[in-house]
Amino acid sequence: MMRDIVRIDADRCNGCGACAEACSEGAIKMVDGKAVLVSEDHCDGLGACLPSCPAEAITIERRDVRPFKDPGNVDGIGIKIVQPTCSGTVPRPISREDEPASAASAPSRLAQWPVQIRLAPVTASFFDGCDLLVAADCSAFAYGAFHEDFIKGRKVLIGCPKLDPPECWSRLDDIVASNDIRSITVVRMEVPCCTQTAKRAEEAVRRSGKDIPVRTAVLGVDGAIR
């Protein structure tokens, strides 16, 4: 199966471990002082680890990656093939009781537009003196009272660290550096790839040199606050 996957040049790797920390899928580990791709199955090929490598030892290449073979299920017919998967994309049902709802009982608390990080202006009057909400774009769908509990009283930026291009999150750096933001609340999902949402917000504050408090709320896929 042809797909994009990380390639690590062991000769160039300086053993700093930054790529392993940046890999939210757990596909890269440090082995004997070098970064090693220990799980091709979990590597999503999106390259979140690339900008973290100071030695430029990581590239993305397209190659034939064989699915993982599970020898524990041999029944005379063959060997079970387990397709590559990310732990954050494992399908799971969520039981809900039908509850009547009306739009009038849940007014929108959104106070600015646009909300996507990649579309937001770097400077805007609504950012000055604001409390900022940086939310994973799945989170509002998981948490029923998202507007009332998280959006109310805040300006909103949403994004996905797994699917958005790196320049999208560089834009967040510029927004934080260029505006008088009082506080940042991060809302992310519990899935591994979403840990980068909080890390990106914290990095934006660090790079700005400002003293801005950052608070993180983690949501389960069932909508519960973890």
N, C-alpha and C. Protein backbone atom coordinates (compact mmCIF):
# COMPACT_ATOMS: atom_id res chain seq x y z
N MET A 1 0.84 -1.18 0.00
CA MET A 1 0.00 0.00 0.00
C MET A 1 0.88 1.24 0.00
N MET A 2 0.74 2.09 -1.01
CA MET A 2 1.55 3.29 -1.13
C MET A 2 0.96 4.40 -0.27
N ARG A 3 1.80 5.00 0.58
CA ARG A 3 1.37 6.14 1.37
C ARG A 3 2.58 6.92 1.87
N ASP A 4 2.35 8.15 2.33
CA ASP A 4 3.42 8.98 2.89
C ASP A 4 3.81 8.47 4.27
N ILE A 5 5.11 8.50 4.53
CA ILE A 5 5.60 8.03 5.82
C ILE A 5 6.93 8.72 6.14
N VAL A 6 7.22 8.83 7.40
CA VAL A 6 8.44 9.50 7.85
C VAL A 6 9.68 8.66 7.56
N ARG A 7 10.74 9.33 7.18
CA ARG A 7 12.06 8.71 7.05
C ARG A 7 13.04 9.48 7.91
N ILE A 8 13.79 8.79 8.77
CA ILE A 8 14.75 9.44 9.67
C ILE A 8 16.17 9.05 9.27
N ASP A 9 16.99 10.04 9.01
CA ASP A 9 18.40 9.81 8.66
C ASP A 9 19.19 9.68 9.97
N ALA A 10 19.56 8.47 10.32
CA ALA A 10 20.25 8.21 11.59
C ALA A 10 21.59 8.94 11.67
N ASP A 11 22.25 9.13 10.54
CA ASP A 11 23.55 9.80 10.55
C ASP A 11 23.41 11.28 10.90
N ARG A 12 22.30 11.89 10.51
CA ARG A 12 22.10 13.31 10.79
C ARG A 12 21.44 13.55 12.14
N CYS A 13 20.75 12.55 12.67
CA CYS A 13 20.05 12.70 13.95
C CYS A 13 21.04 13.01 15.07
N ASN A 14 20.75 14.07 15.84
CA ASN A 14 21.65 14.44 16.94
C ASN A 14 21.16 13.94 18.30
N GLY A 15 20.05 13.18 18.29
CA GLY A 15 19.57 12.58 19.53
C GLY A 15 18.88 13.51 20.49
N CYS A 16 18.38 14.65 19.99
CA CYS A 16 17.76 15.63 20.90
C CYS A 16 16.39 15.16 21.42
N GLY A 17 15.71 14.31 20.67
CA GLY A 17 14.42 13.78 21.11
C GLY A 17 13.22 14.65 20.83
N ALA A 18 13.44 15.80 20.16
CA ALA A 18 12.33 16.72 19.91
C ALA A 18 11.26 16.11 19.01
N CYS A 19 11.69 15.30 18.04
CA CYS A 19 10.72 14.70 17.12
C CYS A 19 9.84 13.68 17.84
N ALA A 20 10.44 12.92 18.75
CA ALA A 20 9.65 11.93 19.51
C ALA A 20 8.61 12.62 20.37
N GLU A 21 8.97 13.77 20.92
CA GLU A 21 8.03 14.53 21.73
C GLU A 21 6.91 15.11 20.87
N ALA A 22 7.27 15.52 19.64
CA ALA A 22 6.28 16.13 18.74
C ALA A 22 5.35 15.11 18.11
N CYS A 23 5.76 13.84 18.09
CA CYS A 23 4.94 12.80 17.46
C CYS A 23 3.84 12.35 18.40
N SER A 24 2.65 12.90 18.22
CA SER A 24 1.54 12.57 19.11
C SER A 24 0.98 11.17 18.87
N GLU A 25 1.39 10.54 17.77
CA GLU A 25 0.92 9.18 17.49
C GLU A 25 1.80 8.12 18.15
N GLY A 26 2.93 8.54 18.72
CA GLY A 26 3.82 7.58 19.36
C GLY A 26 4.58 6.71 18.39
N ALA A 27 4.71 7.17 17.13
CA ALA A 27 5.39 6.36 16.12
C ALA A 27 6.90 6.48 16.20
N ILE A 28 7.41 7.56 16.82
CA ILE A 28 8.85 7.78 16.93
C ILE A 28 9.27 7.65 18.39
N LYS A 29 10.32 6.87 18.62
CA LYS A 29 10.88 6.70 19.96
C LYS A 29 12.39 6.90 19.89
N MET A 30 12.97 7.18 21.06
CA MET A 30 14.43 7.28 21.14
C MET A 30 15.00 5.92 21.49
N VAL A 31 15.90 5.43 20.65
CA VAL A 31 16.53 4.12 20.85
C VAL A 31 18.04 4.30 20.76
N ASP A 32 18.73 4.00 21.85
CA ASP A 32 20.19 4.14 21.89
C ASP A 32 20.65 5.53 21.44
N GLY A 33 19.91 6.55 21.90
CA GLY A 33 20.31 7.92 21.61
C GLY A 33 19.96 8.43 20.24
N LYS A 34 19.17 7.68 19.48
CA LYS A 34 18.77 8.10 18.14
C LYS A 34 17.26 7.98 17.99
N ALA A 35 16.69 8.85 17.16
CA ALA A 35 15.26 8.78 16.86
C ALA A 35 15.01 7.64 15.88
N VAL A 36 14.01 6.83 16.20
CA VAL A 36 13.70 5.66 15.36
C VAL A 36 12.19 5.61 15.13
N LEU A 37 11.80 5.36 13.89
CA LEU A 37 10.39 5.14 13.58
C LEU A 37 10.06 3.70 13.98
N VAL A 38 9.45 3.55 15.15
CA VAL A 38 9.22 2.22 15.70
C VAL A 38 7.88 1.64 15.26
N SER A 39 7.00 2.48 14.70
CA SER A 39 5.69 1.98 14.29
C SER A 39 5.25 2.65 13.00
N GLU A 40 5.46 1.97 11.88
CA GLU A 40 4.98 2.49 10.61
C GLU A 40 3.45 2.56 10.60
N ASP A 41 2.81 1.65 11.32
CA ASP A 41 1.35 1.63 11.37
C ASP A 41 0.78 2.92 11.92
N HIS A 42 1.45 3.51 12.93
CA HIS A 42 0.92 4.69 13.59
C HIS A 42 1.39 5.99 12.95
N CYS A 43 2.40 5.94 12.08
CA CYS A 43 2.87 7.15 11.42
C CYS A 43 1.82 7.61 10.41
N ASP A 44 1.31 8.84 10.58
CA ASP A 44 0.27 9.33 9.68
C ASP A 44 0.84 10.03 8.45
N GLY A 45 2.16 10.24 8.43
CA GLY A 45 2.78 10.83 7.25
C GLY A 45 2.53 12.31 7.06
N LEU A 46 1.95 12.98 8.06
CA LEU A 46 1.63 14.40 7.92
C LEU A 46 2.80 15.30 8.28
N GLY A 47 3.80 14.76 8.97
CA GLY A 47 5.03 15.50 9.20
C GLY A 47 5.02 16.52 10.32
N ALA A 48 4.21 16.29 11.36
CA ALA A 48 4.22 17.21 12.49
C ALA A 48 5.59 17.24 13.17
N CYS A 49 6.37 16.18 12.99
CA CYS A 49 7.69 16.08 13.61
C CYS A 49 8.76 16.88 12.86
N LEU A 50 8.53 17.20 11.59
CA LEU A 50 9.57 17.83 10.77
C LEU A 50 10.07 19.16 11.33
N PRO A 51 9.18 20.11 11.66
CA PRO A 51 9.69 21.40 12.13
C PRO A 51 10.40 21.34 13.47
N SER A 52 10.23 20.25 14.21
CA SER A 52 10.87 20.14 15.53
C SER A 52 12.32 19.67 15.44
N CYS A 53 12.73 19.17 14.27
CA CYS A 53 14.07 18.58 14.13
C CYS A 53 15.10 19.63 13.76
N PRO A 54 16.02 19.98 14.66
CA PRO A 54 17.02 21.01 14.35
C PRO A 54 18.09 20.53 13.39
N ALA A 55 18.23 19.20 13.24
CA ALA A 55 19.27 18.64 12.38
C ALA A 55 18.76 18.36 10.97
N GLU A 56 17.47 18.63 10.73
CA GLU A 56 16.85 18.35 9.43
C GLU A 56 17.09 16.90 9.00
N ALA A 57 16.92 16.00 9.98
CA ALA A 57 17.16 14.58 9.72
C ALA A 57 15.90 13.84 9.29
N ILE A 58 14.76 14.54 9.24
CA ILE A 58 13.50 13.88 8.93
C ILE A 58 12.93 14.38 7.62
N THR A 59 12.50 13.45 6.80
CA THR A 59 11.83 13.77 5.54
C THR A 59 10.58 12.91 5.43
N ILE A 60 9.72 13.29 4.50
CA ILE A 60 8.54 12.49 4.20
C ILE A 60 8.74 11.86 2.83
N GLU A 61 8.55 10.57 2.75
CA GLU A 61 8.67 9.90 1.47
C GLU A 61 7.43 9.04 1.22
N ARG A 62 7.14 8.82 -0.04
CA ARG A 62 6.01 7.97 -0.40
C ARG A 62 6.55 6.61 -0.79
N ARG A 63 6.12 5.61 -0.06
CA ARG A 63 6.62 4.27 -0.36
C ARG A 63 5.58 3.21 -0.03
N ASP A 64 5.89 2.01 -0.44
CA ASP A 64 4.99 0.88 -0.20
C ASP A 64 5.18 0.41 1.23
N VAL A 65 4.15 0.58 2.05
CA VAL A 65 4.22 0.17 3.45
C VAL A 65 3.32 -1.04 3.63
N ARG A 66 3.90 -2.12 4.07
CA ARG A 66 3.13 -3.35 4.24
C ARG A 66 2.30 -3.28 5.52
N PRO A 67 1.02 -3.69 5.44
CA PRO A 67 0.20 -3.73 6.65
C PRO A 67 0.80 -4.67 7.68
N PHE A 68 0.58 -4.38 8.94
CA PHE A 68 1.07 -5.21 10.03
C PHE A 68 0.39 -6.58 10.01
N LYS A 69 1.19 -7.65 10.10
CA LYS A 69 0.65 -9.00 10.14
C LYS A 69 0.59 -9.50 11.57
N ASP A 70 -0.56 -9.96 11.97
CA ASP A 70 -0.76 -10.48 13.31
C ASP A 70 -0.69 -12.01 13.26
N PRO A 71 0.43 -12.61 13.67
CA PRO A 71 0.58 -14.06 13.58
C PRO A 71 -0.23 -14.80 14.62
N GLY A 72 -0.89 -14.08 15.50
CA GLY A 72 -1.64 -14.73 16.57
C GLY A 72 -3.01 -15.23 16.16
N ASN A 73 -3.38 -15.03 14.91
CA ASN A 73 -4.70 -15.45 14.47
C ASN A 73 -4.60 -16.29 13.20
N VAL A 74 -3.80 -17.31 13.25
CA VAL A 74 -3.63 -18.22 12.11
C VAL A 74 -4.54 -19.41 12.32
N ASP A 75 -5.46 -19.62 11.39
CA ASP A 75 -6.44 -20.69 11.57
C ASP A 75 -6.44 -21.68 10.42
N GLY A 76 -5.32 -21.74 9.68
CA GLY A 76 -5.25 -22.65 8.56
C GLY A 76 -5.66 -21.99 7.26
N ILE A 77 -6.29 -20.84 7.36
CA ILE A 77 -6.70 -20.13 6.15
C ILE A 77 -5.67 -19.08 5.77
N GLY A 78 -5.12 -18.43 6.78
CA GLY A 78 -4.13 -17.39 6.50
C GLY A 78 -3.82 -16.59 7.74
N ILE A 79 -3.18 -15.48 7.53
CA ILE A 79 -2.76 -14.60 8.62
C ILE A 79 -3.61 -13.35 8.59
N LYS A 80 -4.10 -12.97 9.74
CA LYS A 80 -4.91 -11.76 9.85
C LYS A 80 -4.08 -10.53 9.52
N ILE A 81 -4.62 -9.65 8.69
CA ILE A 81 -3.93 -8.41 8.34
C ILE A 81 -4.60 -7.26 9.08
N VAL A 82 -3.81 -6.49 9.83
CA VAL A 82 -4.32 -5.34 10.55
C VAL A 82 -3.88 -4.09 9.81
N GLN A 83 -4.82 -3.32 9.27
CA GLN A 83 -4.48 -2.12 8.52
C GLN A 83 -3.92 -1.05 9.45
N PRO A 84 -3.02 -0.22 8.94
CA PRO A 84 -2.48 0.87 9.76
C PRO A 84 -3.60 1.74 10.31
N THR A 85 -3.47 2.13 11.55
CA THR A 85 -4.51 2.96 12.14
C THR A 85 -3.92 3.90 13.17
N CYS A 86 -4.57 5.02 13.37
CA CYS A 86 -4.22 5.96 14.42
C CYS A 86 -5.17 5.70 15.58
N SER A 87 -4.66 5.68 16.79
CA SER A 87 -5.51 5.38 17.94
C SER A 87 -6.62 6.40 18.10
N GLY A 88 -6.42 7.60 17.57
CA GLY A 88 -7.45 8.63 17.68
C GLY A 88 -8.57 8.50 16.68
N THR A 89 -8.44 7.57 15.71
CA THR A 89 -9.47 7.41 14.70
C THR A 89 -10.20 6.08 14.82
N VAL A 90 -9.98 5.36 15.92
CA VAL A 90 -10.66 4.09 16.12
C VAL A 90 -12.16 4.33 16.26
N PRO A 91 -13.00 3.71 15.41
CA PRO A 91 -14.44 3.94 15.51
C PRO A 91 -14.99 3.43 16.83
N ARG A 92 -15.93 4.19 17.40
CA ARG A 92 -16.57 3.76 18.64
C ARG A 92 -17.96 4.37 18.72
N PRO A 93 -18.94 3.60 19.14
CA PRO A 93 -20.29 4.16 19.28
C PRO A 93 -20.41 4.95 20.58
N ILE A 94 -21.33 5.92 20.60
CA ILE A 94 -21.63 6.70 21.79
C ILE A 94 -23.13 6.67 22.00
N SER A 95 -23.56 6.15 23.13
CA SER A 95 -25.00 6.04 23.40
C SER A 95 -25.54 7.38 23.88
N ARG A 96 -26.66 7.80 23.31
CA ARG A 96 -27.31 9.04 23.71
C ARG A 96 -28.81 8.78 23.88
N GLU A 97 -29.40 9.41 24.88
CA GLU A 97 -30.85 9.41 24.98
C GLU A 97 -31.38 10.62 24.22
N ASP A 98 -32.47 10.42 23.51
CA ASP A 98 -33.06 11.53 22.77
C ASP A 98 -33.57 12.59 23.73
N GLU A 99 -33.07 13.81 23.57
CA GLU A 99 -33.50 14.90 24.42
C GLU A 99 -33.98 16.05 23.53
N PRO A 100 -35.20 16.52 23.73
CA PRO A 100 -35.68 17.65 22.92
C PRO A 100 -34.86 18.90 23.18
N ALA A 101 -34.59 19.63 22.14
CA ALA A 101 -33.81 20.87 22.29
C ALA A 101 -34.38 21.91 21.35
N SER A 102 -34.26 23.15 21.75
CA SER A 102 -34.72 24.24 20.89
C SER A 102 -33.61 25.25 20.73
N ALA A 103 -33.55 25.87 19.56
CA ALA A 103 -32.49 26.85 19.30
C ALA A 103 -32.58 28.02 20.26
N ALA A 104 -33.81 28.35 20.68
CA ALA A 104 -34.00 29.50 21.56
C ALA A 104 -33.38 29.29 22.94
N SER A 105 -33.27 28.03 23.36
CA SER A 105 -32.73 27.74 24.68
C SER A 105 -31.21 27.71 24.68
N ALA A 106 -30.60 27.74 23.51
CA ALA A 106 -29.15 27.68 23.42
C ALA A 106 -28.66 28.71 22.41
N PRO A 107 -28.63 29.98 22.78
CA PRO A 107 -28.21 31.04 21.85
C PRO A 107 -26.72 30.95 21.55
N SER A 108 -26.35 31.39 20.38
CA SER A 108 -24.94 31.43 20.01
C SER A 108 -24.22 32.48 20.84
N ARG A 109 -23.00 32.15 21.27
CA ARG A 109 -22.17 33.10 22.01
C ARG A 109 -20.98 33.58 21.17
N LEU A 110 -20.97 33.22 19.90
CA LEU A 110 -19.87 33.62 19.03
C LEU A 110 -19.89 35.12 18.81
N ALA A 111 -18.74 35.75 19.04
CA ALA A 111 -18.69 37.22 19.01
C ALA A 111 -17.76 37.77 17.93
N GLN A 112 -17.25 36.91 17.04
CA GLN A 112 -16.41 37.42 15.96
C GLN A 112 -16.38 36.39 14.83
N TRP A 113 -15.91 36.85 13.69
CA TRP A 113 -15.75 35.99 12.51
C TRP A 113 -14.58 36.53 11.70
N PRO A 114 -13.78 35.67 11.06
CA PRO A 114 -13.84 34.21 11.02
C PRO A 114 -13.28 33.57 12.28
N VAL A 115 -13.43 32.24 12.38
CA VAL A 115 -12.96 31.53 13.56
C VAL A 115 -11.81 30.57 13.25
N GLN A 116 -11.66 30.17 12.00
CA GLN A 116 -10.55 29.28 11.67
C GLN A 116 -9.23 30.03 11.78
N ILE A 117 -8.24 29.41 12.39
CA ILE A 117 -6.95 30.06 12.57
C ILE A 117 -6.37 30.51 11.24
N ARG A 118 -6.49 29.68 10.23
CA ARG A 118 -5.88 29.99 8.94
C ARG A 118 -6.55 31.17 8.24
N LEU A 119 -7.77 31.50 8.63
CA LEU A 119 -8.51 32.59 8.00
C LEU A 119 -8.53 33.86 8.85
N ALA A 120 -8.20 33.74 10.11
CA ALA A 120 -8.30 34.88 11.02
C ALA A 120 -7.25 35.95 10.68
N PRO A 121 -7.59 37.22 10.86
CA PRO A 121 -6.60 38.29 10.65
C PRO A 121 -5.54 38.24 11.74
N VAL A 122 -4.32 38.64 11.41
CA VAL A 122 -3.25 38.64 12.40
C VAL A 122 -3.52 39.70 13.46
N THR A 123 -4.02 40.83 13.05
CA THR A 123 -4.41 41.88 14.00
C THR A 123 -5.87 42.27 13.77
N ALA A 124 -6.58 42.45 14.87
CA ALA A 124 -7.98 42.86 14.78
C ALA A 124 -8.36 43.50 16.11
N SER A 125 -9.26 44.47 16.05
CA SER A 125 -9.65 45.17 17.27
C SER A 125 -10.30 44.22 18.28
N PHE A 126 -10.98 43.16 17.79
CA PHE A 126 -11.65 42.27 18.74
C PHE A 126 -10.67 41.39 19.51
N PHE A 127 -9.40 41.32 19.08
CA PHE A 127 -8.41 40.56 19.83
C PHE A 127 -7.83 41.36 21.01
N ASP A 128 -7.86 42.67 20.91
CA ASP A 128 -7.23 43.50 21.94
C ASP A 128 -7.96 43.40 23.27
N GLY A 129 -7.24 43.01 24.29
CA GLY A 129 -7.80 42.86 25.63
C GLY A 129 -8.74 41.69 25.79
N CYS A 130 -8.68 40.73 24.85
CA CYS A 130 -9.64 39.62 24.89
C CYS A 130 -9.10 38.43 25.67
N ASP A 131 -10.02 37.59 26.09
CA ASP A 131 -9.71 36.24 26.54
C ASP A 131 -9.93 35.34 25.33
N LEU A 132 -8.90 34.61 24.94
CA LEU A 132 -8.92 33.86 23.69
C LEU A 132 -9.20 32.38 23.94
N LEU A 133 -10.07 31.80 23.11
CA LEU A 133 -10.32 30.37 23.13
C LEU A 133 -9.68 29.75 21.89
N VAL A 134 -8.76 28.81 22.09
CA VAL A 134 -8.16 28.06 21.00
C VAL A 134 -8.69 26.64 21.11
N ALA A 135 -9.52 26.25 20.15
CA ALA A 135 -10.23 24.98 20.27
C ALA A 135 -9.95 24.05 19.09
N ALA A 136 -9.80 22.78 19.40
CA ALA A 136 -9.75 21.77 18.34
C ALA A 136 -11.09 21.78 17.63
N ASP A 137 -11.08 21.70 16.31
CA ASP A 137 -12.33 21.90 15.58
C ASP A 137 -13.36 20.79 15.78
N CYS A 138 -12.96 19.67 16.39
CA CYS A 138 -13.93 18.61 16.72
C CYS A 138 -14.66 18.88 18.04
N SER A 139 -14.07 19.71 18.88
CA SER A 139 -14.52 19.80 20.27
C SER A 139 -15.94 20.31 20.43
N ALA A 140 -16.34 21.28 19.61
CA ALA A 140 -17.68 21.83 19.74
C ALA A 140 -18.76 20.81 19.41
N PHE A 141 -18.41 19.81 18.62
CA PHE A 141 -19.38 18.77 18.27
C PHE A 141 -19.51 17.74 19.39
N ALA A 142 -18.48 17.62 20.22
CA ALA A 142 -18.51 16.63 21.30
C ALA A 142 -19.18 17.14 22.56
N TYR A 143 -19.07 18.44 22.80
CA TYR A 143 -19.53 19.01 24.08
C TYR A 143 -20.78 19.85 23.86
N GLY A 144 -21.89 19.42 24.41
CA GLY A 144 -23.18 20.04 24.14
C GLY A 144 -23.29 21.49 24.56
N ALA A 145 -22.66 21.87 25.68
CA ALA A 145 -22.78 23.24 26.20
C ALA A 145 -21.55 24.07 25.83
N PHE A 146 -20.99 23.80 24.66
CA PHE A 146 -19.74 24.44 24.26
C PHE A 146 -19.85 25.95 24.22
N HIS A 147 -20.93 26.47 23.66
CA HIS A 147 -21.08 27.93 23.55
C HIS A 147 -21.15 28.57 24.94
N GLU A 148 -21.94 27.99 25.81
CA GLU A 148 -22.16 28.60 27.11
C GLU A 148 -20.95 28.46 28.02
N ASP A 149 -20.30 27.30 27.98
CA ASP A 149 -19.20 27.02 28.92
C ASP A 149 -17.83 27.48 28.42
N PHE A 150 -17.66 27.57 27.09
CA PHE A 150 -16.33 27.89 26.58
C PHE A 150 -16.29 29.14 25.69
N ILE A 151 -17.26 29.33 24.81
CA ILE A 151 -17.21 30.47 23.90
C ILE A 151 -17.63 31.78 24.58
N LYS A 152 -18.60 31.72 25.46
CA LYS A 152 -19.15 32.93 26.09
C LYS A 152 -18.03 33.76 26.74
N GLY A 153 -17.96 35.01 26.34
CA GLY A 153 -16.98 35.93 26.90
C GLY A 153 -15.59 35.82 26.29
N ARG A 154 -15.43 34.99 25.25
CA ARG A 154 -14.11 34.80 24.65
C ARG A 154 -14.19 35.00 23.13
N LYS A 155 -13.05 35.33 22.54
CA LYS A 155 -12.90 35.29 21.10
C LYS A 155 -12.37 33.91 20.74
N VAL A 156 -12.71 33.42 19.56
CA VAL A 156 -12.52 32.00 19.25
C VAL A 156 -11.63 31.79 18.02
N LEU A 157 -10.70 30.85 18.15
CA LEU A 157 -9.93 30.36 17.02
C LEU A 157 -9.97 28.84 17.06
N ILE A 158 -10.26 28.22 15.91
CA ILE A 158 -10.32 26.77 15.87
C ILE A 158 -9.34 26.24 14.83
N GLY A 159 -8.86 25.02 15.06
CA GLY A 159 -7.96 24.39 14.11
C GLY A 159 -7.74 22.93 14.44
N CYS A 160 -7.02 22.25 13.56
CA CYS A 160 -6.70 20.84 13.78
C CYS A 160 -5.20 20.66 13.57
N PRO A 161 -4.45 20.30 14.61
CA PRO A 161 -3.00 20.15 14.47
C PRO A 161 -2.61 19.00 13.56
N LYS A 162 -3.53 18.08 13.33
CA LYS A 162 -3.23 16.93 12.48
C LYS A 162 -3.43 17.25 10.99
N LEU A 163 -4.43 18.06 10.68
CA LEU A 163 -4.80 18.27 9.29
C LEU A 163 -4.45 19.66 8.76
N ASP A 164 -4.34 20.66 9.64
CA ASP A 164 -3.98 22.00 9.19
C ASP A 164 -2.50 22.07 8.83
N PRO A 165 -2.13 22.85 7.82
CA PRO A 165 -0.71 23.00 7.46
C PRO A 165 0.05 23.75 8.54
N PRO A 166 1.37 23.57 8.61
CA PRO A 166 2.18 24.23 9.65
C PRO A 166 2.02 25.74 9.67
N GLU A 167 1.84 26.36 8.50
CA GLU A 167 1.73 27.82 8.46
C GLU A 167 0.47 28.31 9.18
N CYS A 168 -0.52 27.44 9.30
CA CYS A 168 -1.72 27.81 10.05
C CYS A 168 -1.36 28.10 11.50
N TRP A 169 -0.54 27.25 12.09
CA TRP A 169 -0.17 27.41 13.49
C TRP A 169 0.89 28.49 13.68
N SER A 170 1.65 28.77 12.62
CA SER A 170 2.55 29.93 12.67
C SER A 170 1.73 31.21 12.74
N ARG A 171 0.55 31.19 12.14
CA ARG A 171 -0.35 32.34 12.21
C ARG A 171 -0.81 32.58 13.64
N LEU A 172 -1.02 31.50 14.39
CA LEU A 172 -1.38 31.66 15.80
C LEU A 172 -0.26 32.36 16.55
N ASP A 173 0.98 32.02 16.25
CA ASP A 173 2.13 32.72 16.85
C ASP A 173 2.02 34.22 16.61
N ASP A 174 1.71 34.59 15.36
CA ASP A 174 1.64 36.01 14.99
C ASP A 174 0.49 36.70 15.70
N ILE A 175 -0.64 36.01 15.82
CA ILE A 175 -1.81 36.60 16.48
C ILE A 175 -1.51 36.89 17.95
N VAL A 176 -0.90 35.92 18.62
CA VAL A 176 -0.58 36.09 20.04
C VAL A 176 0.45 37.19 20.23
N ALA A 177 1.43 37.25 19.34
CA ALA A 177 2.49 38.25 19.47
C ALA A 177 2.00 39.67 19.15
N SER A 178 0.98 39.78 18.29
CA SER A 178 0.60 41.09 17.76
C SER A 178 -0.59 41.74 18.47
N ASN A 179 -1.20 41.04 19.42
CA ASN A 179 -2.40 41.56 20.07
C ASN A 179 -2.28 41.46 21.59
N ASP A 180 -3.06 42.30 22.27
CA ASP A 180 -3.07 42.33 23.72
C ASP A 180 -4.07 41.30 24.25
N ILE A 181 -3.62 40.04 24.31
CA ILE A 181 -4.48 38.94 24.75
C ILE A 181 -4.27 38.69 26.24
N ARG A 182 -5.36 38.64 26.99
CA ARG A 182 -5.27 38.52 28.46
C ARG A 182 -5.05 37.09 28.91
N SER A 183 -5.73 36.16 28.27
CA SER A 183 -5.62 34.76 28.68
C SER A 183 -5.98 33.88 27.50
N ILE A 184 -5.53 32.62 27.55
CA ILE A 184 -5.86 31.64 26.51
C ILE A 184 -6.43 30.39 27.17
N THR A 185 -7.59 29.99 26.72
CA THR A 185 -8.18 28.72 27.12
C THR A 185 -8.11 27.77 25.92
N VAL A 186 -7.53 26.61 26.12
CA VAL A 186 -7.43 25.60 25.07
C VAL A 186 -8.44 24.50 25.36
N VAL A 187 -9.21 24.13 24.35
CA VAL A 187 -10.10 22.97 24.47
C VAL A 187 -9.70 21.97 23.40
N ARG A 188 -9.29 20.80 23.83
CA ARG A 188 -8.86 19.77 22.89
C ARG A 188 -9.56 18.45 23.20
N MET A 189 -9.49 17.55 22.23
CA MET A 189 -10.05 16.22 22.43
C MET A 189 -9.03 15.32 23.10
N GLU A 190 -9.48 14.19 23.62
CA GLU A 190 -8.60 13.28 24.33
C GLU A 190 -7.69 12.48 23.40
N VAL A 191 -7.95 12.46 22.10
CA VAL A 191 -7.18 11.64 21.17
C VAL A 191 -5.73 12.14 21.09
N PRO A 192 -4.76 11.26 20.86
CA PRO A 192 -3.34 11.62 20.96
C PRO A 192 -2.94 12.79 20.07
N CYS A 193 -3.41 12.82 18.82
CA CYS A 193 -2.96 13.87 17.91
C CYS A 193 -3.38 15.25 18.38
N CYS A 194 -4.40 15.32 19.22
CA CYS A 194 -4.93 16.62 19.65
C CYS A 194 -4.10 17.25 20.76
N THR A 195 -3.14 16.52 21.33
CA THR A 195 -2.28 17.12 22.35
C THR A 195 -1.51 18.31 21.79
N GLN A 196 -1.29 18.30 20.48
CA GLN A 196 -0.55 19.39 19.84
C GLN A 196 -1.30 20.71 19.90
N THR A 197 -2.63 20.67 20.06
CA THR A 197 -3.40 21.91 20.15
C THR A 197 -2.92 22.75 21.32
N ALA A 198 -2.79 22.11 22.49
CA ALA A 198 -2.31 22.82 23.67
C ALA A 198 -0.85 23.21 23.53
N LYS A 199 -0.04 22.33 22.97
CA LYS A 199 1.38 22.62 22.82
C LYS A 199 1.61 23.82 21.90
N ARG A 200 0.82 23.90 20.83
CA ARG A 200 0.95 25.02 19.90
C ARG A 200 0.59 26.33 20.57
N ALA A 201 -0.45 26.33 21.38
CA ALA A 201 -0.84 27.55 22.08
C ALA A 201 0.23 27.97 23.08
N GLU A 202 0.77 27.00 23.81
CA GLU A 202 1.83 27.30 24.78
C GLU A 202 3.08 27.81 24.09
N GLU A 203 3.41 27.23 22.92
CA GLU A 203 4.57 27.68 22.16
C GLU A 203 4.37 29.10 21.65
N ALA A 204 3.14 29.42 21.24
CA ALA A 204 2.85 30.77 20.75
C ALA A 204 3.09 31.80 21.84
N VAL A 205 2.68 31.47 23.07
CA VAL A 205 2.91 32.38 24.20
C VAL A 205 4.40 32.50 24.48
N ARG A 206 5.10 31.38 24.48
CA ARG A 206 6.53 31.40 24.76
C ARG A 206 7.28 32.24 23.73
N ARG A 207 6.94 32.06 22.47
CA ARG A 207 7.63 32.81 21.42
C ARG A 207 7.30 34.30 21.47
N SER A 208 6.13 34.63 21.98
CA SER A 208 5.75 36.05 22.07
C SER A 208 6.51 36.77 23.17
N GLY A 209 7.04 36.01 24.14
CA GLY A 209 7.73 36.62 25.27
C GLY A 209 6.79 37.26 26.27
N LYS A 210 5.49 37.00 26.14
CA LYS A 210 4.50 37.60 27.03
C LYS A 210 4.14 36.65 28.17
N ASP A 211 3.58 37.22 29.21
CA ASP A 211 3.13 36.43 30.35
C ASP A 211 1.61 36.27 30.24
N ILE A 212 1.19 35.28 29.45
CA ILE A 212 -0.24 35.03 29.22
C ILE A 212 -0.59 33.67 29.80
N PRO A 213 -1.51 33.60 30.76
CA PRO A 213 -1.88 32.30 31.32
C PRO A 213 -2.61 31.43 30.30
N VAL A 214 -2.27 30.15 30.29
CA VAL A 214 -2.90 29.19 29.38
C VAL A 214 -3.54 28.08 30.21
N ARG A 215 -4.82 27.86 30.01
CA ARG A 215 -5.55 26.79 30.70
C ARG A 215 -6.06 25.82 29.65
N THR A 216 -5.97 24.52 29.94
CA THR A 216 -6.39 23.50 28.97
C THR A 216 -7.50 22.63 29.53
N ALA A 217 -8.54 22.43 28.73
CA ALA A 217 -9.62 21.49 29.07
C ALA A 217 -9.58 20.36 28.03
N VAL A 218 -9.67 19.14 28.52
CA VAL A 218 -9.61 17.96 27.65
C VAL A 218 -10.98 17.30 27.63
N LEU A 219 -11.51 17.09 26.44
CA LEU A 219 -12.83 16.46 26.27
C LEU A 219 -12.69 15.03 25.79
N GLY A 220 -13.48 14.14 26.37
CA GLY A 220 -13.57 12.80 25.85
C GLY A 220 -14.42 12.79 24.61
N VAL A 221 -14.32 11.72 23.81
CA VAL A 221 -15.14 11.65 22.61
C VAL A 221 -16.62 11.52 22.95
N ASP A 222 -16.92 11.17 24.20
CA ASP A 222 -18.31 11.12 24.64
C ASP A 222 -18.81 12.46 25.17
N GLY A 223 -17.94 13.49 25.13
CA GLY A 223 -18.32 14.82 25.55
C GLY A 223 -18.02 15.14 27.00
N ALA A 224 -17.54 14.17 27.77
CA ALA A 224 -17.22 14.42 29.17
C ALA A 224 -15.89 15.15 29.29
N ILE A 225 -15.79 16.06 30.28
CA ILE A 225 -14.52 16.73 30.54
C ILE A 225 -13.64 15.79 31.35
N ARG A 226 -12.45 15.53 30.82
CA ARG A 226 -11.53 14.59 31.47
C ARG A 226 -10.72 15.29 32.58
